[in-house]
Structure formats: C-alpha cells, structure tokens
Amino acid sequence: MSALILALAAGAVVGLALGALGGGGSVLAVPALIYLLGFAPGAATTASLLIVTATSATALYAHSRAGNVRWKAGALFAAAGLVPAAAAGAAAGRLPQPVLTGAFAAVAALAAVRMLRPAGTEAPRDEEPVRPARAGLAGAGLGALTGLLGVGGGFLVVPTLVTVMAFEMQAAVGTSLLVITTNSLASLALRGTASAGLDWAVIGPFAGAAVLAAWDGKRLSAKVSGTRLRRAFALVLLAVAAFMLVDALT
C-alpha cells in the first residue's frame, strides 16, 4: 500500500478521534508515522505535533461554534501545565524508554478504567463557577505527567476534565481541544528548526485528511450520547495501553 494512501487513512482516523473525542491525536499519530510510514521517532513526534496542532485548532473552532468550550477553565488549565510540562520533559530524558512506555500504558489504563465507571446523575454544568485553584492544580499535574511521558494531551485531558473538573463529556471534548492546541503550539515553538527535514509529501496529506475528518468527528459527537463517547474513548485508551505495554516488555 502506498505511503499516500496510508497517510490519508491514518489522518482520517486521527481527525475523527480529535473531533469526536477531543483527544487521542498524538497517541494515534505517532505510532502511525513510525510503524506505517517509516518515520524515525524524533521526526514522528515533531510531525505529529504539526498534524495535531492543525487538526485540533480546526476541531476547536467547530466545537466553539456549538458552545462546547469552557474558555476560562480551559485557559487556566492550559497555562498551568506549560511550565511543569517543560520541566518534566527535561527530566524524562534521564529515564529509560521502557520505563516511560510502561508508565504511559499504566496511566492510560487507569484513565480508561475511571472513564468506564458508571456515571452518577449529572446536574447542568454550564452555570457552575470556574474554580481557578482546582483548574490550576489539575492543569499543572497533567502538564507534568504529559511532559514526562512524551506524548498524550487530550487522552489525559478529557478524563481529567470529566472526573476531576466534573465537566459533561461534550464540554470536556471541546475544552480539551483548547488545551491540546495551546500545548502543541508551545511544544512546536520549543522545537525550533526540528521540522526542516520532515517529509512534507506525507505530512501534508496526513494533516489534510485529519482536518477534514475532524469536522465529521464533531458531527458524530453531536449525535452520540456522552456516555457512549466516554465508553468509546475508554476502549481506545485500553487498546493504546495494551499496545504500549507489549512494546515496553518486548
């Protein structure tokens, strides 16, 4: 199968995930770039950031039009995580890769289990005041965890917004995209000229398919209940966790 077809197919899956679930972009994009398209790990990470930035910004616009973005809480959450993510990223370079991969798998599995728990009766969230301290602490902790593990923004942001910040699923999806876009732009700025040698003939179609699929993902999120989205997201996390655990042990 040609690289172009693989890039288009992988981009469609990444876009659907970001548009419908508010996360999973880098978790899906990086393995696709490495195992399907032959990118080196470092190049795959940078390419993934470029793809996820464009796709999450598109999905963010679509969700903002539907009123699914909590701008104040999302901005606090994203800002609080930037410095811890940078510090943890520096510390991650001193740890063995299998340790990081195993830790990533464990965190993904834990988040999936929490998302699969039956949800209690939810009161309307739109009128609840934003709690700056809670948003800041959650964002800082998640930023540190994300920086330490190397990839993963939305796949951790959405469960955190649902379980810690008590967001309903659609608001968690929309707000997660704000956090992902902010973190991805910050990470790209720190990488400087790392994108100079990338294969744009693959990245371009990948990103284009992802951006288009993000709109379909947004429409899907409007048609499917929050409970079903949460379960689907949890199953994605479990699959990612199993794959990464096997990779860490072999």
C-alpha atoms as a PDB file:
ATOM      1  CA  MET A   1       0.000   0.000   0.000  1.00  0.00           C
ATOM      2  CA  SER A   2       1.397   3.404  -0.966  1.00  0.00           C
ATOM      3  CA  ALA A   3       2.526   5.944   1.587  1.00  0.00           C
ATOM      4  CA  LEU A   4      -0.082   8.414   0.312  1.00  0.00           C
ATOM      5  CA  ILE A   5      -3.000   6.048   0.936  1.00  0.00           C
ATOM      6  CA  LEU A   6      -1.644   5.119   4.362  1.00  0.00           C
ATOM      7  CA  ALA A   7      -1.203   8.800   5.254  1.00  0.00           C
ATOM      8  CA  LEU A   8      -4.758   9.633   4.173  1.00  0.00           C
ATOM      9  CA  ALA A   9      -6.243   6.694   6.091  1.00  0.00           C
ATOM     10  CA  ALA A  10      -4.255   7.417   9.246  1.00  0.00           C
ATOM     11  CA  GLY A  11      -5.102  11.106   9.031  1.00  0.00           C
ATOM     12  CA  ALA A  12      -8.808  10.317   8.794  1.00  0.00           C
ATOM     13  CA  VAL A  13      -8.643   8.215  11.963  1.00  0.00           C
ATOM     14  CA  VAL A  14      -6.700  10.890  13.860  1.00  0.00           C
ATOM     15  CA  GLY A  15      -9.132  13.602  12.763  1.00  0.00           C
ATOM     16  CA  LEU A  16     -12.172  11.578  13.788  1.00  0.00           C
ATOM     17  CA  ALA A  17     -10.637  10.937  17.200  1.00  0.00           C
ATOM     18  CA  LEU A  18      -9.830  14.587  17.836  1.00  0.00           C
ATOM     19  CA  GLY A  19     -13.156  15.851  16.530  1.00  0.00           C
ATOM     20  CA  ALA A  20     -15.337  13.342  18.360  1.00  0.00           C
ATOM     21  CA  LEU A  21     -13.317  12.551  21.467  1.00  0.00           C
ATOM     22  CA  GLY A  22     -11.208  15.674  21.985  1.00  0.00           C
ATOM     23  CA  GLY A  23      -8.021  13.615  22.244  1.00  0.00           C
ATOM     24  CA  GLY A  24      -6.069  10.648  21.039  1.00  0.00           C
ATOM     25  CA  GLY A  25      -4.389  12.579  18.230  1.00  0.00           C
ATOM     26  CA  SER A  26      -0.739  12.243  19.144  1.00  0.00           C
ATOM     27  CA  VAL A  27      -1.284   8.804  20.691  1.00  0.00           C
ATOM     28  CA  LEU A  28      -2.611   7.589  17.335  1.00  0.00           C
ATOM     29  CA  ALA A  29      -0.478   9.740  15.024  1.00  0.00           C
ATOM     30  CA  VAL A  30       2.943   8.872  16.432  1.00  0.00           C
ATOM     31  CA  PRO A  31       2.567   5.064  16.092  1.00  0.00           C
ATOM     32  CA  ALA A  32       1.085   5.526  12.595  1.00  0.00           C
ATOM     33  CA  LEU A  33       4.007   7.687  11.491  1.00  0.00           C
ATOM     34  CA  ILE A  34       6.572   5.261  12.913  1.00  0.00           C
ATOM     35  CA  TYR A  35       5.082   1.852  12.130  1.00  0.00           C
ATOM     36  CA  LEU A  36       3.115   2.613   8.942  1.00  0.00           C
ATOM     37  CA  LEU A  37       5.069   5.451   7.322  1.00  0.00           C
ATOM     38  CA  GLY A  38       8.625   4.742   8.431  1.00  0.00           C
ATOM     39  CA  PHE A  39       9.388   7.939  10.353  1.00  0.00           C
ATOM     40  CA  ALA A  40      12.127   7.983  12.973  1.00  0.00           C
ATOM     41  CA  PRO A  41      10.727   8.504  16.499  1.00  0.00           C
ATOM     42  CA  GLY A  42      12.033  12.080  16.811  1.00  0.00           C
ATOM     43  CA  ALA A  43      10.703  13.081  13.400  1.00  0.00           C
ATOM     44  CA  ALA A  44       7.386  11.329  14.128  1.00  0.00           C
ATOM     45  CA  THR A  45       6.918  13.356  17.313  1.00  0.00           C
ATOM     46  CA  THR A  46       7.532  16.666  15.542  1.00  0.00           C
ATOM     47  CA  ALA A  47       5.334  15.685  12.596  1.00  0.00           C
ATOM     48  CA  SER A  48       2.609  14.590  14.996  1.00  0.00           C
ATOM     49  CA  LEU A  49       2.699  17.977  16.705  1.00  0.00           C
ATOM     50  CA  LEU A  50       2.253  19.734  13.360  1.00  0.00           C
ATOM     51  CA  ILE A  51      -0.649  17.476  12.393  1.00  0.00           C
ATOM     52  CA  VAL A  52      -2.335  17.632  15.788  1.00  0.00           C
ATOM     53  CA  THR A  53      -1.974  21.424  16.009  1.00  0.00           C
ATOM     54  CA  ALA A  54      -3.734  21.957  12.680  1.00  0.00           C
ATOM     55  CA  THR A  55      -6.408  19.355  13.397  1.00  0.00           C
ATOM     56  CA  SER A  56      -7.144  20.342  16.985  1.00  0.00           C
ATOM     57  CA  ALA A  57      -7.404  24.027  16.014  1.00  0.00           C
ATOM     58  CA  THR A  58      -9.960  23.086  13.340  1.00  0.00           C
ATOM     59  CA  ALA A  59     -11.929  20.905  15.756  1.00  0.00           C
ATOM     60  CA  LEU A  60     -11.720  23.649  18.410  1.00  0.00           C
ATOM     61  CA  TYR A  61     -13.345  26.113  16.027  1.00  0.00           C
ATOM     62  CA  ALA A  62     -16.133  23.638  15.253  1.00  0.00           C
ATOM     63  CA  HIS A  63     -16.809  22.907  18.935  1.00  0.00           C
ATOM     64  CA  SER A  64     -16.647  26.584  19.900  1.00  0.00           C
ATOM     65  CA  ARG A  65     -19.436  27.341  17.431  1.00  0.00           C
ATOM     66  CA  ALA A  66     -21.550  24.742  19.231  1.00  0.00           C
ATOM     67  CA  GLY A  67     -20.779  26.266  22.639  1.00  0.00           C
ATOM     68  CA  ASN A  68     -18.818  23.260  23.874  1.00  0.00           C
ATOM     69  CA  VAL A  69     -15.677  25.139  25.001  1.00  0.00           C
ATOM     70  CA  ARG A  70     -15.207  26.418  28.568  1.00  0.00           C
ATOM     71  CA  TRP A  71     -12.739  29.147  27.655  1.00  0.00           C
ATOM     72  CA  LYS A  72     -11.863  30.394  31.135  1.00  0.00           C
ATOM     73  CA  ALA A  73     -11.337  26.973  32.691  1.00  0.00           C
ATOM     74  CA  GLY A  74      -9.524  25.749  29.582  1.00  0.00           C
ATOM     75  CA  ALA A  75      -7.155  28.726  29.537  1.00  0.00           C
ATOM     76  CA  LEU A  76      -6.328  28.261  33.230  1.00  0.00           C
ATOM     77  CA  PHE A  77      -5.856  24.549  32.702  1.00  0.00           C
ATOM     78  CA  ALA A  78      -3.553  25.009  29.698  1.00  0.00           C
ATOM     79  CA  ALA A  79      -1.496  27.847  31.191  1.00  0.00           C
ATOM     80  CA  ALA A  80      -0.900  25.958  34.439  1.00  0.00           C
ATOM     81  CA  GLY A  81       0.524  22.977  32.591  1.00  0.00           C
ATOM     82  CA  LEU A  82       3.070  24.699  30.327  1.00  0.00           C
ATOM     83  CA  VAL A  83       5.964  25.131  32.786  1.00  0.00           C
ATOM     84  CA  PRO A  84       5.515  21.730  34.527  1.00  0.00           C
ATOM     85  CA  ALA A  85       5.391  20.051  31.115  1.00  0.00           C
ATOM     86  CA  ALA A  86       8.710  21.644  30.090  1.00  0.00           C
ATOM     87  CA  ALA A  87      10.384  20.687  33.394  1.00  0.00           C
ATOM     88  CA  ALA A  88       9.085  17.125  33.296  1.00  0.00           C
ATOM     89  CA  GLY A  89      10.119  16.799  29.662  1.00  0.00           C
ATOM     90  CA  ALA A  90      13.695  17.610  30.626  1.00  0.00           C
ATOM     91  CA  ALA A  91      13.596  15.009  33.410  1.00  0.00           C
ATOM     92  CA  ALA A  92      12.184  12.381  31.052  1.00  0.00           C
ATOM     93  CA  GLY A  93      15.439  12.366  29.082  1.00  0.00           C
ATOM     94  CA  ARG A  94      17.174  10.729  32.041  1.00  0.00           C
ATOM     95  CA  LEU A  95      14.753   7.800  32.308  1.00  0.00           C
ATOM     96  CA  PRO A  96      14.926   4.554  30.270  1.00  0.00           C
ATOM     97  CA  GLN A  97      12.428   4.425  27.397  1.00  0.00           C
ATOM     98  CA  PRO A  98      10.805   1.135  28.552  1.00  0.00           C
ATOM     99  CA  VAL A  99      10.084   2.741  31.933  1.00  0.00           C
ATOM    100  CA  LEU A 100       8.400   5.715  30.280  1.00  0.00           C
ATOM    101  CA  THR A 101       6.436   3.484  27.920  1.00  0.00           C
ATOM    102  CA  GLY A 102       5.255   1.260  30.765  1.00  0.00           C
ATOM    103  CA  ALA A 103       4.262   4.290  32.842  1.00  0.00           C
ATOM    104  CA  PHE A 104       2.365   5.706  29.881  1.00  0.00           C
ATOM    105  CA  ALA A 105       0.479   2.425  29.461  1.00  0.00           C
ATOM    106  CA  ALA A 106      -0.372   2.310  33.168  1.00  0.00           C
ATOM    107  CA  VAL A 107      -1.720   5.878  33.163  1.00  0.00           C
ATOM    108  CA  ALA A 108      -3.768   5.220  30.010  1.00  0.00           C
ATOM    109  CA  ALA A 109      -5.260   2.064  31.540  1.00  0.00           C
ATOM    110  CA  LEU A 110      -6.090   3.862  34.800  1.00  0.00           C
ATOM    111  CA  ALA A 111      -7.793   6.697  32.936  1.00  0.00           C
ATOM    112  CA  ALA A 112      -9.776   4.163  30.888  1.00  0.00           C
ATOM    113  CA  VAL A 113     -10.981   2.325  33.995  1.00  0.00           C
ATOM    114  CA  ARG A 114     -12.142   5.592  35.563  1.00  0.00           C
ATOM    115  CA  MET A 115     -13.991   6.545  32.374  1.00  0.00           C
ATOM    116  CA  LEU A 116     -15.740   3.153  32.250  1.00  0.00           C
ATOM    117  CA  ARG A 117     -17.186   3.563  35.740  1.00  0.00           C
ATOM    118  CA  PRO A 118     -20.929   4.287  35.705  1.00  0.00           C
ATOM    119  CA  ALA A 119     -21.535   7.999  35.900  1.00  0.00           C
ATOM    120  CA  GLY A 120     -23.808   9.373  38.561  1.00  0.00           C
ATOM    121  CA  THR A 121     -26.698  11.713  37.940  1.00  0.00           C
ATOM    122  CA  GLU A 122     -25.295  14.890  36.435  1.00  0.00           C
ATOM    123  CA  ALA A 123     -26.558  18.354  37.159  1.00  0.00           C
ATOM    124  CA  PRO A 124     -26.203  21.021  34.458  1.00  0.00           C
ATOM    125  CA  ARG A 125     -22.601  22.230  34.454  1.00  0.00           C
ATOM    126  CA  ASP A 126     -22.839  25.387  32.343  1.00  0.00           C
ATOM    127  CA  GLU A 127     -23.860  27.565  35.296  1.00  0.00           C
ATOM    128  CA  GLU A 128     -21.235  26.264  37.717  1.00  0.00           C
ATOM    129  CA  PRO A 129     -18.476  28.776  38.551  1.00  0.00           C
ATOM    130  CA  VAL A 130     -14.946  28.046  37.430  1.00  0.00           C
ATOM    131  CA  ARG A 131     -12.658  27.104  40.316  1.00  0.00           C
ATOM    132  CA  PRO A 132      -9.251  28.616  39.437  1.00  0.00           C
ATOM    133  CA  ALA A 133      -7.322  26.691  42.096  1.00  0.00           C
ATOM    134  CA  ARG A 134      -8.788  23.369  41.017  1.00  0.00           C
ATOM    135  CA  ALA A 135      -8.209  24.080  37.325  1.00  0.00           C
ATOM    136  CA  GLY A 136      -4.657  25.245  38.004  1.00  0.00           C
ATOM    137  CA  LEU A 137      -3.705  22.233  40.111  1.00  0.00           C
ATOM    138  CA  ALA A 138      -5.242  19.774  37.664  1.00  0.00           C
ATOM    139  CA  GLY A 139      -3.578  21.500  34.701  1.00  0.00           C
ATOM    140  CA  ALA A 140      -0.173  21.595  36.399  1.00  0.00           C
ATOM    141  CA  GLY A 141      -0.328  17.944  37.387  1.00  0.00           C
ATOM    142  CA  LEU A 142      -1.466  16.861  33.953  1.00  0.00           C
ATOM    143  CA  GLY A 143       1.141  19.060  32.277  1.00  0.00           C
ATOM    144  CA  ALA A 144       3.899  17.430  34.325  1.00  0.00           C
ATOM    145  CA  LEU A 145       2.587  13.965  33.519  1.00  0.00           C
ATOM    146  CA  THR A 146       2.276  14.755  29.824  1.00  0.00           C
ATOM    147  CA  GLY A 147       5.781  16.225  29.687  1.00  0.00           C
ATOM    148  CA  LEU A 148       7.230  13.215  31.486  1.00  0.00           C
ATOM    149  CA  LEU A 149       5.572  10.663  29.215  1.00  0.00           C
ATOM    150  CA  GLY A 150       6.405  12.479  25.999  1.00  0.00           C
ATOM    151  CA  VAL A 151       3.061  12.193  24.177  1.00  0.00           C
ATOM    152  CA  GLY A 152      -0.551  12.395  25.151  1.00  0.00           C
ATOM    153  CA  GLY A 153      -2.545  15.525  25.733  1.00  0.00           C
ATOM    154  CA  GLY A 154      -6.208  15.022  25.044  1.00  0.00           C
ATOM    155  CA  PHE A 155      -6.298  11.368  26.005  1.00  0.00           C
ATOM    156  CA  LEU A 156      -5.451  12.513  29.551  1.00  0.00           C
ATOM    157  CA  VAL A 157      -7.167  15.916  29.473  1.00  0.00           C
ATOM    158  CA  VAL A 158     -10.647  14.559  28.727  1.00  0.00           C
ATOM    159  CA  PRO A 159     -10.758  12.066  31.638  1.00  0.00           C
ATOM    160  CA  THR A 160      -9.338  14.732  33.950  1.00  0.00           C
ATOM    161  CA  LEU A 161     -11.963  17.285  32.930  1.00  0.00           C
ATOM    162  CA  VAL A 162     -14.720  14.694  33.373  1.00  0.00           C
ATOM    163  CA  THR A 163     -13.590  13.141  36.646  1.00  0.00           C
ATOM    164  CA  VAL A 164     -11.744  15.997  38.391  1.00  0.00           C
ATOM    165  CA  MET A 165     -13.392  19.119  36.970  1.00  0.00           C
ATOM    166  CA  ALA A 166     -16.877  17.498  36.694  1.00  0.00           C
ATOM    167  CA  PHE A 167     -17.411  18.528  33.059  1.00  0.00           C
ATOM    168  CA  GLU A 168     -20.019  16.775  30.963  1.00  0.00           C
ATOM    169  CA  MET A 169     -18.471  14.867  28.055  1.00  0.00           C
ATOM    170  CA  GLN A 170     -19.118  17.345  25.228  1.00  0.00           C
ATOM    171  CA  ALA A 171     -17.729  20.265  27.246  1.00  0.00           C
ATOM    172  CA  ALA A 172     -14.700  18.141  28.157  1.00  0.00           C
ATOM    173  CA  VAL A 173     -14.139  17.332  24.476  1.00  0.00           C
ATOM    174  CA  GLY A 174     -14.363  20.965  23.365  1.00  0.00           C
ATOM    175  CA  THR A 175     -12.235  22.336  26.200  1.00  0.00           C
ATOM    176  CA  SER A 176      -9.656  19.592  25.725  1.00  0.00           C
ATOM    177  CA  LEU A 177      -9.085  20.848  22.187  1.00  0.00           C
ATOM    178  CA  LEU A 178      -8.173  24.288  23.554  1.00  0.00           C
ATOM    179  CA  VAL A 179      -5.601  22.677  25.855  1.00  0.00           C
ATOM    180  CA  ILE A 180      -4.207  20.482  23.056  1.00  0.00           C
ATOM    181  CA  THR A 181      -3.866  23.396  20.635  1.00  0.00           C
ATOM    182  CA  THR A 182      -2.103  25.543  23.236  1.00  0.00           C
ATOM    183  CA  ASN A 183       0.287  22.802  24.342  1.00  0.00           C
ATOM    184  CA  SER A 184       1.075  21.754  20.775  1.00  0.00           C
ATOM    185  CA  LEU A 185       1.902  25.312  19.713  1.00  0.00           C
ATOM    186  CA  ALA A 186       4.147  25.737  22.762  1.00  0.00           C
ATOM    187  CA  SER A 187       5.930  22.461  22.032  1.00  0.00           C
ATOM    188  CA  LEU A 188       6.462  23.393  18.393  1.00  0.00           C
ATOM    189  CA  ALA A 189       7.918  26.755  19.409  1.00  0.00           C
ATOM    190  CA  LEU A 190      10.462  24.994  21.626  1.00  0.00           C
ATOM    191  CA  ARG A 191      11.485  22.631  18.830  1.00  0.00           C
ATOM    192  CA  GLY A 192      12.730  25.464  16.621  1.00  0.00           C
ATOM    193  CA  THR A 193      14.008  24.130  13.279  1.00  0.00           C
ATOM    194  CA  ALA A 194      13.269  20.463  14.001  1.00  0.00           C
ATOM    195  CA  SER A 195      10.674  20.444  11.207  1.00  0.00           C
ATOM    196  CA  ALA A 196      13.196  21.361   8.495  1.00  0.00           C
ATOM    197  CA  GLY A 197      13.950  17.795   7.343  1.00  0.00           C
ATOM    198  CA  LEU A 198      10.453  16.341   7.529  1.00  0.00           C
ATOM    199  CA  ASP A 199       8.752  14.546   4.629  1.00  0.00           C
ATOM    200  CA  TRP A 200       6.046  17.056   3.746  1.00  0.00           C
ATOM    201  CA  ALA A 201       4.772  14.865   0.907  1.00  0.00           C
ATOM    202  CA  VAL A 202       3.461  12.550   3.631  1.00  0.00           C
ATOM    203  CA  ILE A 203       2.682  15.087   6.359  1.00  0.00           C
ATOM    204  CA  GLY A 204       0.602  17.313   4.046  1.00  0.00           C
ATOM    205  CA  PRO A 205      -1.948  14.629   3.028  1.00  0.00           C
ATOM    206  CA  PHE A 206      -1.963  13.238   6.580  1.00  0.00           C
ATOM    207  CA  ALA A 207      -2.798  16.645   8.043  1.00  0.00           C
ATOM    208  CA  GLY A 208      -5.317  17.457   5.293  1.00  0.00           C
ATOM    209  CA  ALA A 209      -7.247  14.239   5.855  1.00  0.00           C
ATOM    210  CA  ALA A 210      -7.166  14.798   9.611  1.00  0.00           C
ATOM    211  CA  VAL A 211      -8.522  18.348   9.323  1.00  0.00           C
ATOM    212  CA  LEU A 212     -11.403  17.234   7.089  1.00  0.00           C
ATOM    213  CA  ALA A 213     -12.217  14.253   9.310  1.00  0.00           C
ATOM    214  CA  ALA A 214     -12.273  16.495  12.394  1.00  0.00           C
ATOM    215  CA  TRP A 215     -15.490  18.085  11.093  1.00  0.00           C
ATOM    216  CA  ASP A 216     -17.053  14.640  10.756  1.00  0.00           C
ATOM    217  CA  GLY A 217     -15.881  13.836  14.263  1.00  0.00           C
ATOM    218  CA  LYS A 218     -17.585  16.971  15.580  1.00  0.00           C
ATOM    219  CA  ARG A 219     -20.858  15.968  13.898  1.00  0.00           C
ATOM    220  CA  LEU A 220     -20.506  12.480  15.350  1.00  0.00           C
ATOM    221  CA  SER A 221     -20.072  13.892  18.859  1.00  0.00           C
ATOM    222  CA  ALA A 222     -23.339  15.807  18.479  1.00  0.00           C
ATOM    223  CA  LYS A 223     -25.243  12.645  17.555  1.00  0.00           C
ATOM    224  CA  VAL A 224     -23.796  10.228  20.111  1.00  0.00           C
ATOM    225  CA  SER A 225     -24.525  10.457  23.831  1.00  0.00           C
ATOM    226  CA  GLY A 226     -21.840  11.483  26.291  1.00  0.00           C
ATOM    227  CA  THR A 227     -21.935   8.028  27.894  1.00  0.00           C
ATOM    228  CA  ARG A 228     -21.243   6.275  24.597  1.00  0.00           C
ATOM    229  CA  LEU A 229     -18.457   8.717  23.748  1.00  0.00           C
ATOM    230  CA  ARG A 230     -16.917   8.154  27.166  1.00  0.00           C
ATOM    231  CA  ARG A 231     -17.028   4.380  26.698  1.00  0.00           C
ATOM    232  CA  ALA A 232     -15.590   4.622  23.189  1.00  0.00           C
ATOM    233  CA  PHE A 233     -12.812   6.838  24.468  1.00  0.00           C
ATOM    234  CA  ALA A 234     -12.075   4.380  27.294  1.00  0.00           C
ATOM    235  CA  LEU A 235     -11.837   1.469  24.850  1.00  0.00           C
ATOM    236  CA  VAL A 236      -9.363   3.467  22.735  1.00  0.00           C
ATOM    237  CA  LEU A 237      -7.290   4.097  25.858  1.00  0.00           C
ATOM    238  CA  LEU A 238      -7.300   0.409  26.781  1.00  0.00           C
ATOM    239  CA  ALA A 239      -6.153  -0.554  23.283  1.00  0.00           C
ATOM    240  CA  VAL A 240      -3.347   2.027  23.386  1.00  0.00           C
ATOM    241  CA  ALA A 241      -2.324   0.880  26.872  1.00  0.00           C
ATOM    242  CA  ALA A 242      -2.176  -2.787  25.811  1.00  0.00           C
ATOM    243  CA  PHE A 243      -0.117  -1.976  22.728  1.00  0.00           C
ATOM    244  CA  MET A 244       2.361   0.168  24.625  1.00  0.00           C
ATOM    245  CA  LEU A 245       2.673  -2.358  27.443  1.00  0.00           C
ATOM    246  CA  VAL A 246       3.557  -5.099  24.964  1.00  0.00           C
ATOM    247  CA  ASP A 247       6.057  -2.736  23.323  1.00  0.00           C
ATOM    248  CA  ALA A 248       7.648  -1.953  26.696  1.00  0.00           C
ATOM    249  CA  LEU A 249       8.017  -5.618  27.630  1.00  0.00           C
ATOM    250  CA  THR A 250       9.441  -6.833  24.298  1.00  0.00           C
END
